[in-house]
Amino acid sequence: MAASIAWLHELRASAGRADEPFTVGGLSGPLYLGDAGWDTGRAVAGAPERIAAYLRKLTAAGVDQVQVAFRSRDHHELCDQIRAFGAEVAPLVSE
């Protein structure tokens, strides 16, 4: 991904657009904060530090913003995941 993002920046520079606003977005894939106790499939799951380290790899590759998605079995669990992410993971990503 880092090579592709660098190539995009090179193309923009060669077109004389390097100074114009440009945001690279990425998708996290499914996340699950904590131990689900059920099969979360291909979700990146675990402690806040593990999920934050995974997301920092995306930003290190040149992604400016990441759209996160969560695995859950119902809307209550989804809301819990969003709250926990905001309180426990997001501060670690921006370190």
C-alpha atoms as a PDB file:
ATOM      1  CA  MET A   1       0.000   0.000   0.000  1.00  0.00           C
ATOM      2  CA  ALA A   2       2.822   2.407   0.862  1.00  0.00           C
ATOM      3  CA  ALA A   3       4.304   2.061  -2.627  1.00  0.00           C
ATOM      4  CA  SER A   4       0.942   2.764  -4.258  1.00  0.00           C
ATOM      5  CA  ILE A   5       0.381   5.837  -2.114  1.00  0.00           C
ATOM      6  CA  ALA A   6       3.886   7.113  -2.907  1.00  0.00           C
ATOM      7  CA  TRP A   7       3.137   6.583  -6.605  1.00  0.00           C
ATOM      8  CA  LEU A   8      -0.068   8.629  -6.279  1.00  0.00           C
ATOM      9  CA  HIS A   9       1.899  11.479  -4.712  1.00  0.00           C
ATOM     10  CA  GLU A  10       4.478  11.263  -7.521  1.00  0.00           C
ATOM     11  CA  LEU A  11       1.722  11.445 -10.145  1.00  0.00           C
ATOM     12  CA  ARG A  12       0.209  14.463  -8.427  1.00  0.00           C
ATOM     13  CA  ALA A  13       3.600  16.175  -8.262  1.00  0.00           C
ATOM     14  CA  SER A  14       4.306  15.496 -11.951  1.00  0.00           C
ATOM     15  CA  ALA A  15       0.901  16.984 -12.798  1.00  0.00           C
ATOM     16  CA  GLY A  16       1.714  20.111 -10.779  1.00  0.00           C
ATOM     17  CA  ARG A  17      -0.910  19.306  -8.161  1.00  0.00           C
ATOM     18  CA  ALA A  18       1.267  18.377  -5.180  1.00  0.00           C
ATOM     19  CA  ASP A  19       0.219  21.480  -3.230  1.00  0.00           C
ATOM     20  CA  GLU A  20      -3.520  20.932  -3.689  1.00  0.00           C
ATOM     21  CA  PRO A  21      -5.524  19.235  -0.920  1.00  0.00           C
ATOM     22  CA  PHE A  22      -5.533  15.466  -1.220  1.00  0.00           C
ATOM     23  CA  THR A  23      -6.614  12.855   1.298  1.00  0.00           C
ATOM     24  CA  VAL A  24      -5.858   9.160   1.132  1.00  0.00           C
ATOM     25  CA  GLY A  25      -8.481   7.040   2.812  1.00  0.00           C
ATOM     26  CA  GLY A  26      -8.382   3.406   3.810  1.00  0.00           C
ATOM     27  CA  LEU A  27     -10.684   0.777   5.221  1.00  0.00           C
ATOM     28  CA  SER A  28      -9.804  -0.986   8.449  1.00  0.00           C
ATOM     29  CA  GLY A  29     -11.617  -4.187   7.739  1.00  0.00           C
ATOM     30  CA  PRO A  30     -13.602  -5.618  10.633  1.00  0.00           C
ATOM     31  CA  LEU A  31     -12.388  -4.896  14.174  1.00  0.00           C
ATOM     32  CA  TYR A  32     -13.414  -6.320  17.523  1.00  0.00           C
ATOM     33  CA  LEU A  33     -12.175  -4.810  20.755  1.00  0.00           C
ATOM     34  CA  GLY A  34     -11.628  -7.449  23.435  1.00  0.00           C
ATOM     35  CA  ASP A  35     -12.293 -11.168  23.494  1.00  0.00           C
ATOM     36  CA  ALA A  36     -15.546 -11.838  21.687  1.00  0.00           C
ATOM     37  CA  GLY A  37     -16.083 -15.376  22.894  1.00  0.00           C
ATOM     38  CA  TRP A  38     -17.521 -16.101  19.443  1.00  0.00           C
ATOM     39  CA  ASP A  39     -16.054 -16.433  15.934  1.00  0.00           C
ATOM     40  CA  THR A  40     -15.425 -12.920  14.621  1.00  0.00           C
ATOM     41  CA  GLY A  41     -14.124 -14.247  11.321  1.00  0.00           C
ATOM     42  CA  ARG A  42     -11.266 -12.258   9.834  1.00  0.00           C
ATOM     43  CA  ALA A  43     -11.656  -9.382  12.300  1.00  0.00           C
ATOM     44  CA  VAL A  44      -8.587  -7.905  13.930  1.00  0.00           C
ATOM     45  CA  ALA A  45      -9.492  -8.571  17.535  1.00  0.00           C
ATOM     46  CA  GLY A  46      -7.946  -8.139  20.933  1.00  0.00           C
ATOM     47  CA  ALA A  47      -6.615  -5.527  23.291  1.00  0.00           C
ATOM     48  CA  PRO A  48      -6.748  -1.815  22.454  1.00  0.00           C
ATOM     49  CA  GLU A  49      -2.972  -1.795  21.934  1.00  0.00           C
ATOM     50  CA  ARG A  50      -3.185  -4.542  19.292  1.00  0.00           C
ATOM     51  CA  ILE A  51      -5.911  -2.794  17.330  1.00  0.00           C
ATOM     52  CA  ALA A  52      -4.144   0.583  17.588  1.00  0.00           C
ATOM     53  CA  ALA A  53      -0.881  -0.968  16.337  1.00  0.00           C
ATOM     54  CA  TYR A  54      -2.747  -2.406  13.343  1.00  0.00           C
ATOM     55  CA  LEU A  55      -4.286   0.985  12.523  1.00  0.00           C
ATOM     56  CA  ARG A  56      -0.942   2.782  12.940  1.00  0.00           C
ATOM     57  CA  LYS A  57       0.452   0.527  10.190  1.00  0.00           C
ATOM     58  CA  LEU A  58      -2.111   2.043   7.838  1.00  0.00           C
ATOM     59  CA  THR A  59      -1.155   5.580   8.788  1.00  0.00           C
ATOM     60  CA  ALA A  60       2.544   4.683   8.469  1.00  0.00           C
ATOM     61  CA  ALA A  61       1.813   3.529   4.916  1.00  0.00           C
ATOM     62  CA  GLY A  62       0.479   6.999   4.119  1.00  0.00           C
ATOM     63  CA  VAL A  63      -3.238   6.709   4.813  1.00  0.00           C
ATOM     64  CA  ASP A  64      -4.621   9.999   6.140  1.00  0.00           C
ATOM     65  CA  GLN A  65      -7.962   8.730   7.393  1.00  0.00           C
ATOM     66  CA  VAL A  66      -9.267   5.271   8.173  1.00  0.00           C
ATOM     67  CA  GLN A  67     -12.874   4.182   8.014  1.00  0.00           C
ATOM     68  CA  VAL A  68     -13.358   1.665  10.799  1.00  0.00           C
ATOM     69  CA  ALA A  69     -15.876  -1.163  10.906  1.00  0.00           C
ATOM     70  CA  PHE A  70     -16.796  -3.402  13.810  1.00  0.00           C
ATOM     71  CA  ARG A  71     -18.010  -6.960  14.170  1.00  0.00           C
ATOM     72  CA  SER A  72     -21.031  -7.359  16.412  1.00  0.00           C
ATOM     73  CA  ARG A  73     -24.059  -9.559  16.854  1.00  0.00           C
ATOM     74  CA  ASP A  74     -26.543  -6.786  17.584  1.00  0.00           C
ATOM     75  CA  HIS A  75     -26.861  -3.027  17.886  1.00  0.00           C
ATOM     76  CA  HIS A  76     -26.056  -3.038  21.615  1.00  0.00           C
ATOM     77  CA  GLU A  77     -22.753  -4.789  21.023  1.00  0.00           C
ATOM     78  CA  LEU A  78     -22.006  -2.457  18.120  1.00  0.00           C
ATOM     79  CA  CYS A  79     -22.589   0.600  20.308  1.00  0.00           C
ATOM     80  CA  ASP A  80     -20.353  -0.929  22.995  1.00  0.00           C
ATOM     81  CA  GLN A  81     -17.626  -1.511  20.410  1.00  0.00           C
ATOM     82  CA  ILE A  82     -17.855   2.068  19.126  1.00  0.00           C
ATOM     83  CA  ARG A  83     -17.726   3.498  22.656  1.00  0.00           C
ATOM     84  CA  ALA A  84     -14.763   1.318  23.629  1.00  0.00           C
ATOM     85  CA  PHE A  85     -12.930   2.198  20.420  1.00  0.00           C
ATOM     86  CA  GLY A  86     -13.366   5.926  21.041  1.00  0.00           C
ATOM     87  CA  ALA A  87     -12.231   5.691  24.641  1.00  0.00           C
ATOM     88  CA  GLU A  88      -9.511   3.046  24.452  1.00  0.00           C
ATOM     89  CA  VAL A  89      -8.168   2.734  20.899  1.00  0.00           C
ATOM     90  CA  ALA A  90      -8.457   6.134  19.220  1.00  0.00           C
ATOM     91  CA  PRO A  91      -6.180   7.880  21.748  1.00  0.00           C
ATOM     92  CA  LEU A  92      -3.519   5.222  21.129  1.00  0.00           C
ATOM     93  CA  VAL A  93      -3.663   5.618  17.357  1.00  0.00           C
ATOM     94  CA  SER A  94      -2.948   9.336  17.477  1.00  0.00           C
ATOM     95  CA  GLU A  95       0.106   8.959  19.722  1.00  0.00           C
END
